[in-house]
Amino acid sequence: MSPNYSEAQVESQVRDLFIRAGWYSELKTDAAMIARGSGRRRGHIETGFPDRVFLLGCGLGVCLAAVIELKTDTGRLSPEQVDMHHHLRETYGIHPHLIRTPEDATPILALGRQIRKALKEMA
């Protein structure tokens, strides 16, 4: 049984895992940022877009992107998030990953290593 992490704890630990694996980690989205009291959004990313995007250079002038939605064990996707994730999958072939614990990042990191290796061998 996994500990009950807060979303901030999950984010911090997942970010550390991606950094140690060589991914660029400084793309935190602002999709949910609202200017307090005004009801206006401060950000420019559409509501519902996942929390983080991690990038991994693969040579050939390309990189992999892992699009990550962070939630606690009991956290739920909002209707806007469900719609946006569907839109990303159907329109762009982008499959956001839902991460609830740091361990959930392990398969993504392993796949990134495999793809990076294969692409570098092609170069």
PDB file of N, CA and C in Angstrom:
ATOM      1  N   MET A   1       0.846  -1.181   0.000  1.00  0.00           N
ATOM      2  CA  MET A   1       0.000   0.000   0.000  1.00  0.00           C
ATOM      3  C   MET A   1       0.892   1.246   0.000  1.00  0.00           C
ATOM      4  N   SER A   2       0.587   2.206  -0.865  1.00  0.00           N
ATOM      5  CA  SER A   2       1.408   3.403  -0.969  1.00  0.00           C
ATOM      6  C   SER A   2       0.987   4.433   0.073  1.00  0.00           C
ATOM      7  N   PRO A   3       1.942   5.291   0.465  1.00  0.00           N
ATOM      8  CA  PRO A   3       1.592   6.355   1.414  1.00  0.00           C
ATOM      9  C   PRO A   3       0.610   7.334   0.770  1.00  0.00           C
ATOM     10  N   ASN A   4      -0.089   8.088   1.588  1.00  0.00           N
ATOM     11  CA  ASN A   4      -0.999   9.101   1.071  1.00  0.00           C
ATOM     12  C   ASN A   4      -0.216  10.380   0.816  1.00  0.00           C
ATOM     13  N   TYR A   5       0.226  10.554  -0.412  1.00  0.00           N
ATOM     14  CA  TYR A   5       0.985  11.732  -0.799  1.00  0.00           C
ATOM     15  C   TYR A   5       0.032  12.880  -1.113  1.00  0.00           C
ATOM     16  N   SER A   6       0.449  14.098  -0.812  1.00  0.00           N
ATOM     17  CA  SER A   6      -0.269  15.267  -1.317  1.00  0.00           C
ATOM     18  C   SER A   6       0.127  15.427  -2.781  1.00  0.00           C
ATOM     19  N   GLU A   7      -0.643  16.189  -3.531  1.00  0.00           N
ATOM     20  CA  GLU A   7      -0.300  16.406  -4.935  1.00  0.00           C
ATOM     21  C   GLU A   7       1.055  17.104  -5.056  1.00  0.00           C
ATOM     22  N   ALA A   8       1.346  18.035  -4.158  1.00  0.00           N
ATOM     23  CA  ALA A   8       2.639  18.729  -4.180  1.00  0.00           C
ATOM     24  C   ALA A   8       3.785  17.750  -3.921  1.00  0.00           C
ATOM     25  N   GLN A   9       3.594  16.788  -3.018  1.00  0.00           N
ATOM     26  CA  GLN A   9       4.628  15.790  -2.751  1.00  0.00           C
ATOM     27  C   GLN A   9       4.838  14.884  -3.962  1.00  0.00           C
ATOM     28  N   VAL A  10       3.749  14.466  -4.575  1.00  0.00           N
ATOM     29  CA  VAL A  10       3.859  13.639  -5.784  1.00  0.00           C
ATOM     30  C   VAL A  10       4.623  14.410  -6.852  1.00  0.00           C
ATOM     31  N   GLU A  11       4.237  15.660  -7.064  1.00  0.00           N
ATOM     32  CA  GLU A  11       4.885  16.480  -8.088  1.00  0.00           C
ATOM     33  C   GLU A  11       6.370  16.633  -7.817  1.00  0.00           C
ATOM     34  N   SER A  12       6.737  16.939  -6.602  1.00  0.00           N
ATOM     35  CA  SER A  12       8.143  17.130  -6.254  1.00  0.00           C
ATOM     36  C   SER A  12       8.957  15.859  -6.470  1.00  0.00           C
ATOM     37  N   GLN A  13       8.430  14.746  -6.026  1.00  0.00           N
ATOM     38  CA  GLN A  13       9.162  13.487  -6.155  1.00  0.00           C
ATOM     39  C   GLN A  13       9.232  13.016  -7.606  1.00  0.00           C
ATOM     40  N   VAL A  14       8.154  13.190  -8.347  1.00  0.00           N
ATOM     41  CA  VAL A  14       8.153  12.815  -9.760  1.00  0.00           C
ATOM     42  C   VAL A  14       9.129  13.695 -10.531  1.00  0.00           C
ATOM     43  N   ARG A  15       9.116  14.984 -10.266  1.00  0.00           N
ATOM     44  CA  ARG A  15      10.048  15.900 -10.920  1.00  0.00           C
ATOM     45  C   ARG A  15      11.483  15.455 -10.657  1.00  0.00           C
ATOM     46  N   ASP A  16      11.804  15.116  -9.422  1.00  0.00           N
ATOM     47  CA  ASP A  16      13.154  14.649  -9.088  1.00  0.00           C
ATOM     48  C   ASP A  16      13.519  13.389  -9.879  1.00  0.00           C
ATOM     49  N   LEU A  17      12.581  12.457 -10.012  1.00  0.00           N
ATOM     50  CA  LEU A  17      12.841  11.233 -10.775  1.00  0.00           C
ATOM     51  C   LEU A  17      13.152  11.547 -12.238  1.00  0.00           C
ATOM     52  N   PHE A  18      12.367  12.437 -12.835  1.00  0.00           N
ATOM     53  CA  PHE A  18      12.604  12.798 -14.228  1.00  0.00           C
ATOM     54  C   PHE A  18      13.949  13.513 -14.385  1.00  0.00           C
ATOM     55  N   ILE A  19      14.278  14.402 -13.471  1.00  0.00           N
ATOM     56  CA  ILE A  19      15.565  15.109 -13.540  1.00  0.00           C
ATOM     57  C   ILE A  19      16.719  14.117 -13.460  1.00  0.00           C
ATOM     58  N   ARG A  20      16.650  13.193 -12.513  1.00  0.00           N
ATOM     59  CA  ARG A  20      17.729  12.196 -12.379  1.00  0.00           C
ATOM     60  C   ARG A  20      17.860  11.318 -13.611  1.00  0.00           C
ATOM     61  N   ALA A  21      16.764  11.148 -14.344  1.00  0.00           N
ATOM     62  CA  ALA A  21      16.791  10.336 -15.558  1.00  0.00           C
ATOM     63  C   ALA A  21      17.178  11.160 -16.791  1.00  0.00           C
ATOM     64  N   GLY A  22      17.513  12.440 -16.590  1.00  0.00           N
ATOM     65  CA  GLY A  22      18.001  13.267 -17.687  1.00  0.00           C
ATOM     66  C   GLY A  22      16.950  14.035 -18.465  1.00  0.00           C
ATOM     67  N   TRP A  23      15.742  14.111 -17.943  1.00  0.00           N
ATOM     68  CA  TRP A  23      14.670  14.844 -18.609  1.00  0.00           C
ATOM     69  C   TRP A  23      14.698  16.319 -18.208  1.00  0.00           C
ATOM     70  N   TYR A  24      14.303  17.204 -19.134  1.00  0.00           N
ATOM     71  CA  TYR A  24      14.099  18.610 -18.819  1.00  0.00           C
ATOM     72  C   TYR A  24      12.760  18.714 -18.103  1.00  0.00           C
ATOM     73  N   SER A  25      12.739  19.425 -16.983  1.00  0.00           N
ATOM     74  CA  SER A  25      11.560  19.348 -16.113  1.00  0.00           C
ATOM     75  C   SER A  25      10.884  20.678 -15.806  1.00  0.00           C
ATOM     76  N   GLU A  26      11.272  21.738 -16.450  1.00  0.00           N
ATOM     77  CA  GLU A  26      10.780  23.048 -16.022  1.00  0.00           C
ATOM     78  C   GLU A  26       9.538  23.538 -16.760  1.00  0.00           C
ATOM     79  N   LEU A  27       8.766  22.630 -17.327  1.00  0.00           N
ATOM     80  CA  LEU A  27       7.542  23.024 -18.012  1.00  0.00           C
ATOM     81  C   LEU A  27       6.325  22.681 -17.157  1.00  0.00           C
ATOM     82  N   LYS A  28       6.038  23.559 -16.214  1.00  0.00           N
ATOM     83  CA  LYS A  28       4.855  23.411 -15.368  1.00  0.00           C
ATOM     84  C   LYS A  28       3.779  24.285 -15.981  1.00  0.00           C
ATOM     85  N   THR A  29       2.635  23.687 -16.274  1.00  0.00           N
ATOM     86  CA  THR A  29       1.595  24.443 -16.952  1.00  0.00           C
ATOM     87  C   THR A  29       0.831  25.328 -15.974  1.00  0.00           C
ATOM     88  N   ASP A  30       0.113  26.270 -16.531  1.00  0.00           N
ATOM     89  CA  ASP A  30      -0.651  27.212 -15.712  1.00  0.00           C
ATOM     90  C   ASP A  30      -2.141  27.136 -16.025  1.00  0.00           C
ATOM     91  N   ALA A  31      -2.578  25.975 -16.478  1.00  0.00           N
ATOM     92  CA  ALA A  31      -3.954  25.848 -16.963  1.00  0.00           C
ATOM     93  C   ALA A  31      -5.007  26.197 -15.920  1.00  0.00           C
ATOM     94  N   ALA A  32      -4.720  25.994 -14.656  1.00  0.00           N
ATOM     95  CA  ALA A  32      -5.734  26.241 -13.634  1.00  0.00           C
ATOM     96  C   ALA A  32      -5.529  27.550 -12.883  1.00  0.00           C
ATOM     97  N   MET A  33      -4.562  28.357 -13.298  1.00  0.00           N
ATOM     98  CA  MET A  33      -4.279  29.587 -12.555  1.00  0.00           C
ATOM     99  C   MET A  33      -5.351  30.637 -12.829  1.00  0.00           C
ATOM    100  N   ILE A  34      -5.965  31.109 -11.785  1.00  0.00           N
ATOM    101  CA  ILE A  34      -7.000  32.138 -11.867  1.00  0.00           C
ATOM    102  C   ILE A  34      -6.537  33.333 -11.044  1.00  0.00           C
ATOM    103  N   ALA A  35      -6.682  34.520 -11.588  1.00  0.00           N
ATOM    104  CA  ALA A  35      -6.362  35.722 -10.818  1.00  0.00           C
ATOM    105  C   ALA A  35      -7.392  35.821  -9.705  1.00  0.00           C
ATOM    106  N   ARG A  36      -6.946  35.690  -8.474  1.00  0.00           N
ATOM    107  CA  ARG A  36      -7.847  35.653  -7.321  1.00  0.00           C
ATOM    108  C   ARG A  36      -8.754  36.877  -7.274  1.00  0.00           C
ATOM    109  N   GLY A  37     -10.034  36.617  -7.114  1.00  0.00           N
ATOM    110  CA  GLY A  37     -10.999  37.691  -6.951  1.00  0.00           C
ATOM    111  C   GLY A  37     -11.532  38.257  -8.248  1.00  0.00           C
ATOM    112  N   SER A  38     -10.805  38.086  -9.336  1.00  0.00           N
ATOM    113  CA  SER A  38     -11.252  38.697 -10.585  1.00  0.00           C
ATOM    114  C   SER A  38     -12.021  37.731 -11.468  1.00  0.00           C
ATOM    115  N   GLY A  39     -11.802  36.417 -11.239  1.00  0.00           N
ATOM    116  CA  GLY A  39     -12.447  35.433 -12.095  1.00  0.00           C
ATOM    117  C   GLY A  39     -11.777  35.296 -13.448  1.00  0.00           C
ATOM    118  N   ARG A  40     -10.721  36.059 -13.677  1.00  0.00           N
ATOM    119  CA  ARG A  40     -10.008  35.990 -14.955  1.00  0.00           C
ATOM    120  C   ARG A  40      -8.797  35.082 -14.829  1.00  0.00           C
ATOM    121  N   ARG A  41      -8.518  34.399 -15.901  1.00  0.00           N
ATOM    122  CA  ARG A  41      -7.352  33.532 -15.932  1.00  0.00           C
ATOM    123  C   ARG A  41      -6.098  34.362 -16.117  1.00  0.00           C
ATOM    124  N   ARG A  42      -5.037  33.964 -15.425  1.00  0.00           N
ATOM    125  CA  ARG A  42      -3.749  34.617 -15.616  1.00  0.00           C
ATOM    126  C   ARG A  42      -2.943  33.926 -16.701  1.00  0.00           C
ATOM    127  N   GLY A  43      -3.167  32.657 -16.885  1.00  0.00           N
ATOM    128  CA  GLY A  43      -2.372  31.887 -17.824  1.00  0.00           C
ATOM    129  C   GLY A  43      -2.949  31.898 -19.223  1.00  0.00           C
ATOM    130  N   HIS A  44      -2.224  31.278 -20.133  1.00  0.00           N
ATOM    131  CA  HIS A  44      -2.660  31.222 -21.513  1.00  0.00           C
ATOM    132  C   HIS A  44      -2.910  29.789 -21.981  1.00  0.00           C
ATOM    133  N   ILE A  45      -2.658  28.823 -21.139  1.00  0.00           N
ATOM    134  CA  ILE A  45      -2.900  27.427 -21.480  1.00  0.00           C
ATOM    135  C   ILE A  45      -4.347  27.094 -21.144  1.00  0.00           C
ATOM    136  N   GLU A  46      -4.974  26.352 -22.026  1.00  0.00           N
ATOM    137  CA  GLU A  46      -6.390  26.038 -21.835  1.00  0.00           C
ATOM    138  C   GLU A  46      -6.644  25.278 -20.541  1.00  0.00           C
ATOM    139  N   THR A  47      -7.760  25.580 -19.915  1.00  0.00           N
ATOM    140  CA  THR A  47      -8.178  24.878 -18.706  1.00  0.00           C
ATOM    141  C   THR A  47      -8.280  23.386 -19.010  1.00  0.00           C
ATOM    142  N   GLY A  48      -7.763  22.584 -18.092  1.00  0.00           N
ATOM    143  CA  GLY A  48      -7.812  21.137 -18.258  1.00  0.00           C
ATOM    144  C   GLY A  48      -6.531  20.528 -18.783  1.00  0.00           C
ATOM    145  N   PHE A  49      -5.601  21.381 -19.280  1.00  0.00           N
ATOM    146  CA  PHE A  49      -4.335  20.842 -19.778  1.00  0.00           C
ATOM    147  C   PHE A  49      -3.558  20.243 -18.599  1.00  0.00           C
ATOM    148  N   PRO A  50      -2.864  19.116 -18.832  1.00  0.00           N
ATOM    149  CA  PRO A  50      -2.135  18.460 -17.749  1.00  0.00           C
ATOM    150  C   PRO A  50      -1.115  19.371 -17.054  1.00  0.00           C
ATOM    151  N   ASP A  51      -0.716  18.959 -15.835  1.00  0.00           N
ATOM    152  CA  ASP A  51       0.109  19.770 -14.950  1.00  0.00           C
ATOM    153  C   ASP A  51       1.536  20.025 -15.426  1.00  0.00           C
ATOM    154  N   ARG A  52       2.154  19.006 -16.009  1.00  0.00           N
ATOM    155  CA  ARG A  52       3.573  19.113 -16.358  1.00  0.00           C
ATOM    156  C   ARG A  52       3.859  18.458 -17.696  1.00  0.00           C
ATOM    157  N   VAL A  53       4.889  18.987 -18.356  1.00  0.00           N
ATOM    158  CA  VAL A  53       5.435  18.373 -19.563  1.00  0.00           C
ATOM    159  C   VAL A  53       6.927  18.207 -19.323  1.00  0.00           C
ATOM    160  N   PHE A  54       7.415  16.982 -19.483  1.00  0.00           N
ATOM    161  CA  PHE A  54       8.831  16.682 -19.345  1.00  0.00           C
ATOM    162  C   PHE A  54       9.376  16.358 -20.725  1.00  0.00           C
ATOM    163  N   LEU A  55      10.601  16.818 -21.017  1.00  0.00           N
ATOM    164  CA  LEU A  55      11.212  16.612 -22.329  1.00  0.00           C
ATOM    165  C   LEU A  55      12.505  15.833 -22.196  1.00  0.00           C
ATOM    166  N   LEU A  56      12.746  14.924 -23.155  1.00  0.00           N
ATOM    167  CA  LEU A  56      13.961  14.131 -23.178  1.00  0.00           C
ATOM    168  C   LEU A  56      14.545  14.184 -24.576  1.00  0.00           C
ATOM    169  N   GLY A  57      15.738  14.783 -24.700  1.00  0.00           N
ATOM    170  CA  GLY A  57      16.410  14.857 -25.993  1.00  0.00           C
ATOM    171  C   GLY A  57      16.801  13.469 -26.478  1.00  0.00           C
ATOM    172  N   CYS A  58      16.628  13.248 -27.785  1.00  0.00           N
ATOM    173  CA  CYS A  58      16.881  11.920 -28.354  1.00  0.00           C
ATOM    174  C   CYS A  58      17.806  11.968 -29.555  1.00  0.00           C
ATOM    175  N   GLY A  59      18.478  13.079 -29.766  1.00  0.00           N
ATOM    176  CA  GLY A  59      19.296  13.188 -30.965  1.00  0.00           C
ATOM    177  C   GLY A  59      18.403  13.473 -32.162  1.00  0.00           C
ATOM    178  N   LEU A  60      19.025  13.570 -33.321  1.00  0.00           N
ATOM    179  CA  LEU A  60      18.302  13.831 -34.566  1.00  0.00           C
ATOM    180  C   LEU A  60      17.472  15.112 -34.500  1.00  0.00           C
ATOM    181  N   GLY A  61      17.737  15.970 -33.535  1.00  0.00           N
ATOM    182  CA  GLY A  61      16.986  17.207 -33.403  1.00  0.00           C
ATOM    183  C   GLY A  61      15.570  17.023 -32.898  1.00  0.00           C
ATOM    184  N   VAL A  62      15.288  15.894 -32.263  1.00  0.00           N
ATOM    185  CA  VAL A  62      13.947  15.628 -31.741  1.00  0.00           C
ATOM    186  C   VAL A  62      14.019  15.312 -30.251  1.00  0.00           C
ATOM    187  N   CYS A  63      12.876  15.385 -29.604  1.00  0.00           N
ATOM    188  CA  CYS A  63      12.808  14.996 -28.200  1.00  0.00           C
ATOM    189  C   CYS A  63      11.482  14.295 -27.936  1.00  0.00           C
ATOM    190  N   LEU A  64      11.469  13.556 -26.855  1.00  0.00           N
ATOM    191  CA  LEU A  64      10.240  12.941 -26.365  1.00  0.00           C
ATOM    192  C   LEU A  64       9.586  13.905 -25.393  1.00  0.00           C
ATOM    193  N   ALA A  65       8.285  13.867 -25.327  1.00  0.00           N
ATOM    194  CA  ALA A  65       7.555  14.659 -24.339  1.00  0.00           C
ATOM    195  C   ALA A  65       6.658  13.722 -23.539  1.00  0.00           C
ATOM    196  N   ALA A  66       6.732  13.840 -22.234  1.00  0.00           N
ATOM    197  CA  ALA A  66       5.813  13.116 -21.350  1.00  0.00           C
ATOM    198  C   ALA A  66       4.872  14.157 -20.767  1.00  0.00           C
ATOM    199  N   VAL A  67       3.594  14.014 -21.055  1.00  0.00           N
ATOM    200  CA  VAL A  67       2.569  14.946 -20.590  1.00  0.00           C
ATOM    201  C   VAL A  67       1.914  14.295 -19.373  1.00  0.00           C
ATOM    202  N   ILE A  68       2.027  14.968 -18.234  1.00  0.00           N
ATOM    203  CA  ILE A  68       1.704  14.352 -16.949  1.00  0.00           C
ATOM    204  C   ILE A  68       0.599  15.112 -16.220  1.00  0.00           C
ATOM    205  N   GLU A  69      -0.394  14.364 -15.766  1.00  0.00           N
ATOM    206  CA  GLU A  69      -1.427  14.882 -14.860  1.00  0.00           C
ATOM    207  C   GLU A  69      -1.146  14.294 -13.490  1.00  0.00           C
ATOM    208  N   LEU A  70      -1.016  15.134 -12.489  1.00  0.00           N
ATOM    209  CA  LEU A  70      -0.713  14.698 -11.132  1.00  0.00           C
ATOM    210  C   LEU A  70      -1.969  14.747 -10.272  1.00  0.00           C
ATOM    211  N   LYS A  71      -2.203  13.677  -9.538  1.00  0.00           N
ATOM    212  CA  LYS A  71      -3.349  13.607  -8.633  1.00  0.00           C
ATOM    213  C   LYS A  71      -2.942  12.822  -7.387  1.00  0.00           C
ATOM    214  N   THR A  72      -3.673  13.037  -6.325  1.00  0.00           N
ATOM    215  CA  THR A  72      -3.510  12.212  -5.129  1.00  0.00           C
ATOM    216  C   THR A  72      -4.205  10.877  -5.377  1.00  0.00           C
ATOM    217  N   ASP A  73      -4.093   9.967  -4.411  1.00  0.00           N
ATOM    218  CA  ASP A  73      -4.773   8.667  -4.537  1.00  0.00           C
ATOM    219  C   ASP A  73      -6.278   8.836  -4.731  1.00  0.00           C
ATOM    220  N   THR A  74      -6.845   9.857  -4.133  1.00  0.00           N
ATOM    221  CA  THR A  74      -8.291  10.056  -4.204  1.00  0.00           C
ATOM    222  C   THR A  74      -8.692  11.187  -5.149  1.00  0.00           C
ATOM    223  N   GLY A  75      -7.709  11.881  -5.724  1.00  0.00           N
ATOM    224  CA  GLY A  75      -8.009  13.004  -6.613  1.00  0.00           C
ATOM    225  C   GLY A  75      -8.705  12.556  -7.884  1.00  0.00           C
ATOM    226  N   ARG A  76      -9.602  13.380  -8.372  1.00  0.00           N
ATOM    227  CA  ARG A  76     -10.353  13.067  -9.586  1.00  0.00           C
ATOM    228  C   ARG A  76     -10.075  14.107 -10.653  1.00  0.00           C
ATOM    229  N   LEU A  77     -10.154  13.665 -11.893  1.00  0.00           N
ATOM    230  CA  LEU A  77     -10.049  14.599 -13.009  1.00  0.00           C
ATOM    231  C   LEU A  77     -11.320  15.443 -13.065  1.00  0.00           C
ATOM    232  N   SER A  78     -11.152  16.724 -13.301  1.00  0.00           N
ATOM    233  CA  SER A  78     -12.315  17.593 -13.492  1.00  0.00           C
ATOM    234  C   SER A  78     -12.907  17.315 -14.868  1.00  0.00           C
ATOM    235  N   PRO A  79     -14.138  17.726 -15.093  1.00  0.00           N
ATOM    236  CA  PRO A  79     -14.715  17.552 -16.438  1.00  0.00           C
ATOM    237  C   PRO A  79     -13.864  18.224 -17.523  1.00  0.00           C
ATOM    238  N   GLU A  80     -13.279  19.384 -17.199  1.00  0.00           N
ATOM    239  CA  GLU A  80     -12.414  20.072 -18.168  1.00  0.00           C
ATOM    240  C   GLU A  80     -11.163  19.250 -18.473  1.00  0.00           C
ATOM    241  N   GLN A  81     -10.624  18.591 -17.444  1.00  0.00           N
ATOM    242  CA  GLN A  81      -9.450  17.750 -17.662  1.00  0.00           C
ATOM    243  C   GLN A  81      -9.794  16.529 -18.505  1.00  0.00           C
ATOM    244  N   VAL A  82     -10.924  15.902 -18.211  1.00  0.00           N
ATOM    245  CA  VAL A  82     -11.366  14.748 -19.008  1.00  0.00           C
ATOM    246  C   VAL A  82     -11.511  15.156 -20.474  1.00  0.00           C
ATOM    247  N   ASP A  83     -12.165  16.291 -20.713  1.00  0.00           N
ATOM    248  CA  ASP A  83     -12.364  16.779 -22.086  1.00  0.00           C
ATOM    249  C   ASP A  83     -11.034  17.088 -22.768  1.00  0.00           C
ATOM    250  N   MET A  84     -10.138  17.775 -22.053  1.00  0.00           N
ATOM    251  CA  MET A  84      -8.850  18.143 -22.642  1.00  0.00           C
ATOM    252  C   MET A  84      -8.015  16.904 -22.946  1.00  0.00           C
ATOM    253  N   HIS A  85      -7.972  15.940 -22.032  1.00  0.00           N
ATOM    254  CA  HIS A  85      -7.194  14.723 -22.260  1.00  0.00           C
ATOM    255  C   HIS A  85      -7.735  13.975 -23.483  1.00  0.00           C
ATOM    256  N   HIS A  86      -9.059  13.931 -23.607  1.00  0.00           N
ATOM    257  CA  HIS A  86      -9.685  13.296 -24.771  1.00  0.00           C
ATOM    258  C   HIS A  86      -9.280  14.042 -26.052  1.00  0.00           C
ATOM    259  N   HIS A  87      -9.351  15.361 -26.008  1.00  0.00           N
ATOM    260  CA  HIS A  87      -8.983  16.196 -27.162  1.00  0.00           C
ATOM    261  C   HIS A  87      -7.523  15.958 -27.560  1.00  0.00           C
ATOM    262  N   LEU A  88      -6.621  15.912 -26.590  1.00  0.00           N
ATOM    263  CA  LEU A  88      -5.208  15.676 -26.889  1.00  0.00           C
ATOM    264  C   LEU A  88      -4.999  14.305 -27.540  1.00  0.00           C
ATOM    265  N   ARG A  89      -5.698  13.284 -27.015  1.00  0.00           N
ATOM    266  CA  ARG A  89      -5.567  11.935 -27.580  1.00  0.00           C
ATOM    267  C   ARG A  89      -6.117  11.875 -29.004  1.00  0.00           C
ATOM    268  N   GLU A  90      -7.345  12.367 -29.174  1.00  0.00           N
ATOM    269  CA  GLU A  90      -8.031  12.213 -30.460  1.00  0.00           C
ATOM    270  C   GLU A  90      -7.469  13.123 -31.553  1.00  0.00           C
ATOM    271  N   THR A  91      -7.084  14.323 -31.198  1.00  0.00           N
ATOM    272  CA  THR A  91      -6.644  15.289 -32.193  1.00  0.00           C
ATOM    273  C   THR A  91      -5.152  15.184 -32.484  1.00  0.00           C
ATOM    274  N   TYR A  92      -4.350  14.949 -31.448  1.00  0.00           N
ATOM    275  CA  TYR A  92      -2.891  15.012 -31.616  1.00  0.00           C
ATOM    276  C   TYR A  92      -2.169  13.701 -31.330  1.00  0.00           C
ATOM    277  N   GLY A  93      -2.886  12.689 -30.866  1.00  0.00           N
ATOM    278  CA  GLY A  93      -2.231  11.429 -30.511  1.00  0.00           C
ATOM    279  C   GLY A  93      -1.381  11.549 -29.257  1.00  0.00           C
ATOM    280  N   ILE A  94      -1.657  12.563 -28.434  1.00  0.00           N
ATOM    281  CA  ILE A  94      -0.930  12.784 -27.176  1.00  0.00           C
ATOM    282  C   ILE A  94      -1.725  12.110 -26.062  1.00  0.00           C
ATOM    283  N   HIS A  95      -1.081  11.221 -25.349  1.00  0.00           N
ATOM    284  CA  HIS A  95      -1.752  10.471 -24.279  1.00  0.00           C
ATOM    285  C   HIS A  95      -1.222  10.931 -22.922  1.00  0.00           C
ATOM    286  N   PRO A  96      -1.937  11.830 -22.242  1.00  0.00           N
ATOM    287  CA  PRO A  96      -1.487  12.264 -20.916  1.00  0.00           C
ATOM    288  C   PRO A  96      -1.426  11.084 -19.948  1.00  0.00           C
ATOM    289  N   HIS A  97      -0.396  11.093 -19.121  1.00  0.00           N
ATOM    290  CA  HIS A  97      -0.223  10.056 -18.104  1.00  0.00           C
ATOM    291  C   HIS A  97      -0.752  10.576 -16.775  1.00  0.00           C
ATOM    292  N   LEU A  98      -1.564   9.773 -16.110  1.00  0.00           N
ATOM    293  CA  LEU A  98      -2.068  10.108 -14.782  1.00  0.00           C
ATOM    294  C   LEU A  98      -1.126   9.486 -13.756  1.00  0.00           C
ATOM    295  N   ILE A  99      -0.528  10.323 -12.922  1.00  0.00           N
ATOM    296  CA  ILE A  99       0.419   9.855 -11.909  1.00  0.00           C
ATOM    297  C   ILE A  99      -0.126  10.212 -10.533  1.00  0.00           C
ATOM    298  N   ARG A 100      -0.238   9.191  -9.697  1.00  0.00           N
ATOM    299  CA  ARG A 100      -0.733   9.357  -8.328  1.00  0.00           C
ATOM    300  C   ARG A 100       0.354   9.138  -7.286  1.00  0.00           C
ATOM    301  N   THR A 101       1.388   8.395  -7.641  1.00  0.00           N
ATOM    302  CA  THR A 101       2.516   8.145  -6.742  1.00  0.00           C
ATOM    303  C   THR A 101       3.794   8.247  -7.557  1.00  0.00           C
ATOM    304  N   PRO A 102       4.910   8.512  -6.923  1.00  0.00           N
ATOM    305  CA  PRO A 102       6.172   8.551  -7.667  1.00  0.00           C
ATOM    306  C   PRO A 102       6.447   7.259  -8.444  1.00  0.00           C
ATOM    307  N   GLU A 103       6.018   6.143  -7.899  1.00  0.00           N
ATOM    308  CA  GLU A 103       6.250   4.855  -8.559  1.00  0.00           C
ATOM    309  C   GLU A 103       5.540   4.778  -9.913  1.00  0.00           C
ATOM    310  N   ASP A 104       4.463   5.528 -10.083  1.00  0.00           N
ATOM    311  CA  ASP A 104       3.740   5.523 -11.353  1.00  0.00           C
ATOM    312  C   ASP A 104       4.589   6.065 -12.501  1.00  0.00           C
ATOM    313  N   ALA A 105       5.657   6.797 -12.193  1.00  0.00           N
ATOM    314  CA  ALA A 105       6.527   7.351 -13.233  1.00  0.00           C
ATOM    315  C   ALA A 105       7.487   6.314 -13.806  1.00  0.00           C
ATOM    316  N   THR A 106       7.714   5.218 -13.100  1.00  0.00           N
ATOM    317  CA  THR A 106       8.716   4.228 -13.497  1.00  0.00           C
ATOM    318  C   THR A 106       8.523   3.712 -14.925  1.00  0.00           C
ATOM    319  N   PRO A 107       7.326   3.287 -15.329  1.00  0.00           N
ATOM    320  CA  PRO A 107       7.176   2.789 -16.709  1.00  0.00           C
ATOM    321  C   PRO A 107       7.434   3.865 -17.768  1.00  0.00           C
ATOM    322  N   ILE A 108       7.093   5.108 -17.471  1.00  0.00           N
ATOM    323  CA  ILE A 108       7.312   6.205 -18.420  1.00  0.00           C
ATOM    324  C   ILE A 108       8.814   6.428 -18.601  1.00  0.00           C
ATOM    325  N   LEU A 109       9.542   6.432 -17.496  1.00  0.00           N
ATOM    326  CA  LEU A 109      10.988   6.614 -17.565  1.00  0.00           C
ATOM    327  C   LEU A 109      11.656   5.460 -18.309  1.00  0.00           C
ATOM    328  N   ALA A 110      11.203   4.238 -18.067  1.00  0.00           N
ATOM    329  CA  ALA A 110      11.770   3.071 -18.746  1.00  0.00           C
ATOM    330  C   ALA A 110      11.502   3.148 -20.253  1.00  0.00           C
ATOM    331  N   LEU A 111      10.297   3.514 -20.635  1.00  0.00           N
ATOM    332  CA  LEU A 111       9.964   3.641 -22.050  1.00  0.00           C
ATOM    333  C   LEU A 111      10.802   4.750 -22.690  1.00  0.00           C
ATOM    334  N   GLY A 112      10.971   5.852 -21.973  1.00  0.00           N
ATOM    335  CA  GLY A 112      11.807   6.938 -22.486  1.00  0.00           C
ATOM    336  C   GLY A 112      13.228   6.480 -22.765  1.00  0.00           C
ATOM    337  N   ARG A 113      13.799   5.689 -21.845  1.00  0.00           N
ATOM    338  CA  ARG A 113      15.155   5.162 -22.059  1.00  0.00           C
ATOM    339  C   ARG A 113      15.211   4.289 -23.315  1.00  0.00           C
ATOM    340  N   GLN A 114      14.213   3.435 -23.478  1.00  0.00           N
ATOM    341  CA  GLN A 114      14.182   2.528 -24.638  1.00  0.00           C
ATOM    342  C   GLN A 114      14.077   3.306 -25.946  1.00  0.00           C
ATOM    343  N   ILE A 115      13.171   4.272 -25.996  1.00  0.00           N
ATOM    344  CA  ILE A 115      12.974   5.043 -27.228  1.00  0.00           C
ATOM    345  C   ILE A 115      14.211   5.884 -27.525  1.00  0.00           C
ATOM    346  N   ARG A 116      14.774   6.518 -26.502  1.00  0.00           N
ATOM    347  CA  ARG A 116      15.969   7.339 -26.691  1.00  0.00           C
ATOM    348  C   ARG A 116      17.103   6.496 -27.253  1.00  0.00           C
ATOM    349  N   LYS A 117      17.311   5.318 -26.694  1.00  0.00           N
ATOM    350  CA  LYS A 117      18.366   4.429 -27.159  1.00  0.00           C
ATOM    351  C   LYS A 117      18.150   4.050 -28.623  1.00  0.00           C
ATOM    352  N   ALA A 118      16.925   3.678 -28.967  1.00  0.00           N
ATOM    353  CA  ALA A 118      16.610   3.282 -30.339  1.00  0.00           C
ATOM    354  C   ALA A 118      16.835   4.429 -31.314  1.00  0.00           C
ATOM    355  N   LEU A 119      16.418   5.636 -30.946  1.00  0.00           N
ATOM    356  CA  LEU A 119      16.607   6.780 -31.830  1.00  0.00           C
ATOM    357  C   LEU A 119      18.083   7.140 -31.991  1.00  0.00           C
ATOM    358  N   LYS A 120      18.840   7.049 -30.919  1.00  0.00           N
ATOM    359  CA  LYS A 120      20.274   7.362 -31.012  1.00  0.00           C
ATOM    360  C   LYS A 120      21.000   6.333 -31.890  1.00  0.00           C
ATOM    361  N   GLU A 121      20.548   5.095 -31.853  1.00  0.00           N
ATOM    362  CA  GLU A 121      21.154   4.067 -32.690  1.00  0.00           C
ATOM    363  C   GLU A 121      20.867   4.315 -34.172  1.00  0.00           C
ATOM    364  N   MET A 122      19.770   4.993 -34.470  1.00  0.00           N
ATOM    365  CA  MET A 122      19.415   5.313 -35.850  1.00  0.00           C
ATOM    366  C   MET A 122      20.240   6.465 -36.398  1.00  0.00           C
ATOM    367  N   ALA A 123      20.769   7.289 -35.509  1.00  0.00           N
ATOM    368  CA  ALA A 123      21.494   8.504 -35.940  1.00  0.00           C
ATOM    369  C   ALA A 123      22.829   8.172 -36.573  1.00  0.00           C
TER     370      ALA A 123
END
